[in-house]
Amino acid sequence: MSTSVEKINQLLSKPALAKFILRVSFSFMFLLHGIHKITGGIDFIAGKFVELGLPGFFAYAVYLGEVISPILIILGILTRLNAFIIVCCCVVIVLLMYTPIFFSLAPTGAWAIESVATYFFAFLALMFCGSGKYALKAD
């Protein structure tokens, strides 16, 4: 039994591939949010900043966090830095959009901010593990 488990563990022990899958999949999904901002505009986000008494032009940072950083992470360029930028972006998203429901559950029983939290923790993991060897500029 233990030799079968060891063989499976050896077969599946691919940390570089795991980093590549994590990097590309989460960055692509996050990039889709950025593409929506490109096509639909950022007026809504600018309005949220203004509601908080902050300048509306802060909303332009969304292009860095949701477009440029995911593209660079997909390519494996400055992965740790860009993952940090996206982690910060997730914190801002929670502060702008989800603060009132931070401690709430959705009707399905999931955490109300689960989607943003999933990105937060995935990019936090990338920030600590880096790009892996399948990258244009490995960390």
C-alpha atoms as a PDB file:
ATOM      1  CA  MET A   1       0.000   0.000   0.000  1.00  0.00           C
ATOM      2  CA  SER A   2       2.694   2.492   0.986  1.00  0.00           C
ATOM      3  CA  THR A   3       4.675   1.841  -2.198  1.00  0.00           C
ATOM      4  CA  SER A   4       1.581   2.674  -4.270  1.00  0.00           C
ATOM      5  CA  VAL A   5       1.148   5.896  -2.349  1.00  0.00           C
ATOM      6  CA  GLU A   6       4.825   6.722  -2.798  1.00  0.00           C
ATOM      7  CA  LYS A   7       4.591   6.106  -6.553  1.00  0.00           C
ATOM      8  CA  ILE A   8       1.518   8.330  -6.800  1.00  0.00           C
ATOM      9  CA  ASN A   9       3.269  11.012  -4.758  1.00  0.00           C
ATOM     10  CA  GLN A  10       6.321  10.844  -7.020  1.00  0.00           C
ATOM     11  CA  LEU A  11       4.145  10.983 -10.125  1.00  0.00           C
ATOM     12  CA  LEU A  12       2.193  14.000  -8.878  1.00  0.00           C
ATOM     13  CA  SER A  13       5.054  15.909  -7.255  1.00  0.00           C
ATOM     14  CA  LYS A  14       5.332  18.724  -9.780  1.00  0.00           C
ATOM     15  CA  PRO A  15       5.689  21.994  -7.843  1.00  0.00           C
ATOM     16  CA  ALA A  16       6.804  23.961 -10.921  1.00  0.00           C
ATOM     17  CA  LEU A  17       3.734  22.808 -12.848  1.00  0.00           C
ATOM     18  CA  ALA A  18       1.523  23.604  -9.850  1.00  0.00           C
ATOM     19  CA  LYS A  19       2.886  27.152  -9.707  1.00  0.00           C
ATOM     20  CA  PHE A  20       2.322  27.539 -13.454  1.00  0.00           C
ATOM     21  CA  ILE A  21      -1.299  26.346 -13.192  1.00  0.00           C
ATOM     22  CA  LEU A  22      -1.973  28.592 -10.192  1.00  0.00           C
ATOM     23  CA  ARG A  23      -0.295  31.572 -11.853  1.00  0.00           C
ATOM     24  CA  VAL A  24      -1.983  31.306 -15.234  1.00  0.00           C
ATOM     25  CA  SER A  25      -5.468  30.202 -14.188  1.00  0.00           C
ATOM     26  CA  PHE A  26      -6.081  32.766 -11.462  1.00  0.00           C
ATOM     27  CA  SER A  27      -4.446  35.565 -13.439  1.00  0.00           C
ATOM     28  CA  PHE A  28      -6.581  34.806 -16.487  1.00  0.00           C
ATOM     29  CA  MET A  29      -9.779  34.812 -14.428  1.00  0.00           C
ATOM     30  CA  PHE A  30      -8.781  38.070 -12.711  1.00  0.00           C
ATOM     31  CA  LEU A  31      -7.863  39.583 -16.076  1.00  0.00           C
ATOM     32  CA  LEU A  32     -11.428  39.003 -17.256  1.00  0.00           C
ATOM     33  CA  HIS A  33     -12.560  41.474 -14.579  1.00  0.00           C
ATOM     34  CA  GLY A  34     -10.062  43.966 -15.992  1.00  0.00           C
ATOM     35  CA  ILE A  35     -11.305  43.444 -19.536  1.00  0.00           C
ATOM     36  CA  HIS A  36     -14.781  44.241 -18.265  1.00  0.00           C
ATOM     37  CA  LYS A  37     -13.420  47.511 -16.848  1.00  0.00           C
ATOM     38  CA  ILE A  38     -11.816  48.326 -20.213  1.00  0.00           C
ATOM     39  CA  THR A  39     -15.046  47.729 -22.119  1.00  0.00           C
ATOM     40  CA  GLY A  40     -17.516  48.971 -19.525  1.00  0.00           C
ATOM     41  CA  GLY A  41     -15.575  51.798 -17.919  1.00  0.00           C
ATOM     42  CA  ILE A  42     -14.646  52.595 -14.341  1.00  0.00           C
ATOM     43  CA  ASP A  43     -17.212  55.295 -13.522  1.00  0.00           C
ATOM     44  CA  PHE A  44     -18.861  53.060 -10.922  1.00  0.00           C
ATOM     45  CA  ILE A  45     -15.550  52.542  -9.110  1.00  0.00           C
ATOM     46  CA  ALA A  46     -14.687  56.240  -9.315  1.00  0.00           C
ATOM     47  CA  GLY A  47     -18.070  56.961  -7.731  1.00  0.00           C
ATOM     48  CA  LYS A  48     -17.285  54.584  -4.863  1.00  0.00           C
ATOM     49  CA  PHE A  49     -14.021  56.418  -4.184  1.00  0.00           C
ATOM     50  CA  VAL A  50     -15.818  59.779  -4.258  1.00  0.00           C
ATOM     51  CA  GLU A  51     -18.427  58.427  -1.793  1.00  0.00           C
ATOM     52  CA  LEU A  52     -15.549  57.752   0.600  1.00  0.00           C
ATOM     53  CA  GLY A  53     -14.206  61.281   0.125  1.00  0.00           C
ATOM     54  CA  LEU A  54     -11.294  60.155  -2.027  1.00  0.00           C
ATOM     55  CA  PRO A  55     -10.391  61.410  -5.500  1.00  0.00           C
ATOM     56  CA  GLY A  56     -12.201  59.591  -8.295  1.00  0.00           C
ATOM     57  CA  PHE A  57      -9.006  59.245 -10.321  1.00  0.00           C
ATOM     58  CA  PHE A  58      -7.894  56.535  -7.861  1.00  0.00           C
ATOM     59  CA  ALA A  59     -10.157  54.275  -9.909  1.00  0.00           C
ATOM     60  CA  TYR A  60      -7.588  54.247 -12.707  1.00  0.00           C
ATOM     61  CA  ALA A  61      -5.414  52.024 -10.497  1.00  0.00           C
ATOM     62  CA  VAL A  62      -7.842  49.228 -11.362  1.00  0.00           C
ATOM     63  CA  TYR A  63      -6.135  48.965 -14.749  1.00  0.00           C
ATOM     64  CA  LEU A  64      -2.841  48.197 -13.022  1.00  0.00           C
ATOM     65  CA  GLY A  65      -4.369  45.662 -10.632  1.00  0.00           C
ATOM     66  CA  GLU A  66      -6.820  43.964 -12.982  1.00  0.00           C
ATOM     67  CA  VAL A  67      -5.122  44.233 -16.394  1.00  0.00           C
ATOM     68  CA  ILE A  68      -1.373  44.856 -16.293  1.00  0.00           C
ATOM     69  CA  SER A  69      -0.474  42.769 -13.241  1.00  0.00           C
ATOM     70  CA  PRO A  70      -2.420  39.660 -14.342  1.00  0.00           C
ATOM     71  CA  ILE A  71      -0.819  39.803 -17.803  1.00  0.00           C
ATOM     72  CA  LEU A  72       2.649  40.069 -16.273  1.00  0.00           C
ATOM     73  CA  ILE A  73       1.926  37.187 -13.895  1.00  0.00           C
ATOM     74  CA  ILE A  74       0.689  35.008 -16.776  1.00  0.00           C
ATOM     75  CA  LEU A  75       3.970  35.697 -18.533  1.00  0.00           C
ATOM     76  CA  GLY A  76       5.904  35.112 -15.323  1.00  0.00           C
ATOM     77  CA  ILE A  77       7.407  38.588 -15.073  1.00  0.00           C
ATOM     78  CA  LEU A  78       7.897  40.072 -11.585  1.00  0.00           C
ATOM     79  CA  THR A  79       5.350  37.604 -10.259  1.00  0.00           C
ATOM     80  CA  ARG A  80       5.830  38.371  -6.570  1.00  0.00           C
ATOM     81  CA  LEU A  81       5.504  42.129  -7.041  1.00  0.00           C
ATOM     82  CA  ASN A  82       2.466  41.815  -9.288  1.00  0.00           C
ATOM     83  CA  ALA A  83       0.830  39.309  -6.944  1.00  0.00           C
ATOM     84  CA  PHE A  84       1.332  41.866  -4.151  1.00  0.00           C
ATOM     85  CA  ILE A  85      -0.373  44.522  -6.304  1.00  0.00           C
ATOM     86  CA  ILE A  86      -3.348  42.212  -6.863  1.00  0.00           C
ATOM     87  CA  VAL A  87      -3.530  41.355  -3.149  1.00  0.00           C
ATOM     88  CA  CYS A  88      -3.731  45.096  -2.454  1.00  0.00           C
ATOM     89  CA  CYS A  89      -6.357  45.412  -5.190  1.00  0.00           C
ATOM     90  CA  CYS A  90      -8.435  42.715  -3.467  1.00  0.00           C
ATOM     91  CA  VAL A  91      -8.228  44.603  -0.167  1.00  0.00           C
ATOM     92  CA  VAL A  92      -9.450  47.770  -1.897  1.00  0.00           C
ATOM     93  CA  ILE A  93     -12.283  45.815  -3.543  1.00  0.00           C
ATOM     94  CA  VAL A  94     -13.400  44.545  -0.147  1.00  0.00           C
ATOM     95  CA  LEU A  95     -13.192  48.029   1.374  1.00  0.00           C
ATOM     96  CA  LEU A  96     -15.128  49.634  -1.483  1.00  0.00           C
ATOM     97  CA  MET A  97     -17.744  46.981  -2.104  1.00  0.00           C
ATOM     98  CA  TYR A  98     -18.010  44.400   0.630  1.00  0.00           C
ATOM     99  CA  THR A  99     -17.339  46.014   4.007  1.00  0.00           C
ATOM    100  CA  PRO A 100     -21.013  45.864   5.098  1.00  0.00           C
ATOM    101  CA  ILE A 101     -21.213  42.128   4.393  1.00  0.00           C
ATOM    102  CA  PHE A 102     -17.697  41.113   5.456  1.00  0.00           C
ATOM    103  CA  PHE A 103     -18.945  38.952   8.333  1.00  0.00           C
ATOM    104  CA  SER A 104     -21.967  37.595   6.448  1.00  0.00           C
ATOM    105  CA  LEU A 105     -22.803  34.357   4.773  1.00  0.00           C
ATOM    106  CA  ALA A 106     -24.452  34.030   1.382  1.00  0.00           C
ATOM    107  CA  PRO A 107     -27.770  32.153   1.113  1.00  0.00           C
ATOM    108  CA  THR A 108     -25.779  29.082   0.041  1.00  0.00           C
ATOM    109  CA  GLY A 109     -23.779  29.145   3.279  1.00  0.00           C
ATOM    110  CA  ALA A 110     -20.595  30.443   1.664  1.00  0.00           C
ATOM    111  CA  TRP A 111     -18.744  33.486   2.932  1.00  0.00           C
ATOM    112  CA  ALA A 112     -20.366  36.519   1.303  1.00  0.00           C
ATOM    113  CA  ILE A 113     -17.022  37.754  -0.029  1.00  0.00           C
ATOM    114  CA  GLU A 114     -15.783  34.319  -1.048  1.00  0.00           C
ATOM    115  CA  SER A 115     -15.025  35.240  -4.666  1.00  0.00           C
ATOM    116  CA  VAL A 116     -12.725  38.115  -3.722  1.00  0.00           C
ATOM    117  CA  ALA A 117     -11.225  36.117  -0.857  1.00  0.00           C
ATOM    118  CA  THR A 118     -10.390  33.274  -3.248  1.00  0.00           C
ATOM    119  CA  TYR A 119      -8.401  35.641  -5.455  1.00  0.00           C
ATOM    120  CA  PHE A 120      -6.822  37.240  -2.375  1.00  0.00           C
ATOM    121  CA  PHE A 121      -5.532  33.936  -1.031  1.00  0.00           C
ATOM    122  CA  ALA A 122      -4.452  32.587  -4.440  1.00  0.00           C
ATOM    123  CA  PHE A 123      -2.368  35.684  -5.155  1.00  0.00           C
ATOM    124  CA  LEU A 124      -1.085  35.730  -1.574  1.00  0.00           C
ATOM    125  CA  ALA A 125       0.188  32.183  -2.176  1.00  0.00           C
ATOM    126  CA  LEU A 126       1.780  33.282  -5.469  1.00  0.00           C
ATOM    127  CA  MET A 127       3.401  36.189  -3.699  1.00  0.00           C
ATOM    128  CA  PHE A 128       5.150  33.755  -1.363  1.00  0.00           C
ATOM    129  CA  CYS A 129       5.957  30.933  -3.818  1.00  0.00           C
ATOM    130  CA  GLY A 130       6.912  32.999  -6.863  1.00  0.00           C
ATOM    131  CA  SER A 131       6.609  32.226 -10.538  1.00  0.00           C
ATOM    132  CA  GLY A 132       8.247  28.828 -10.731  1.00  0.00           C
ATOM    133  CA  LYS A 133      10.509  27.708 -13.541  1.00  0.00           C
ATOM    134  CA  TYR A 134       7.926  28.076 -16.349  1.00  0.00           C
ATOM    135  CA  ALA A 135       8.200  31.847 -16.562  1.00  0.00           C
ATOM    136  CA  LEU A 136       9.866  34.444 -18.742  1.00  0.00           C
ATOM    137  CA  LYS A 137      11.657  35.822 -15.699  1.00  0.00           C
ATOM    138  CA  ALA A 138      11.560  33.229 -12.931  1.00  0.00           C
ATOM    139  CA  ASP A 139      11.767  34.494  -9.353  1.00  0.00           C
END
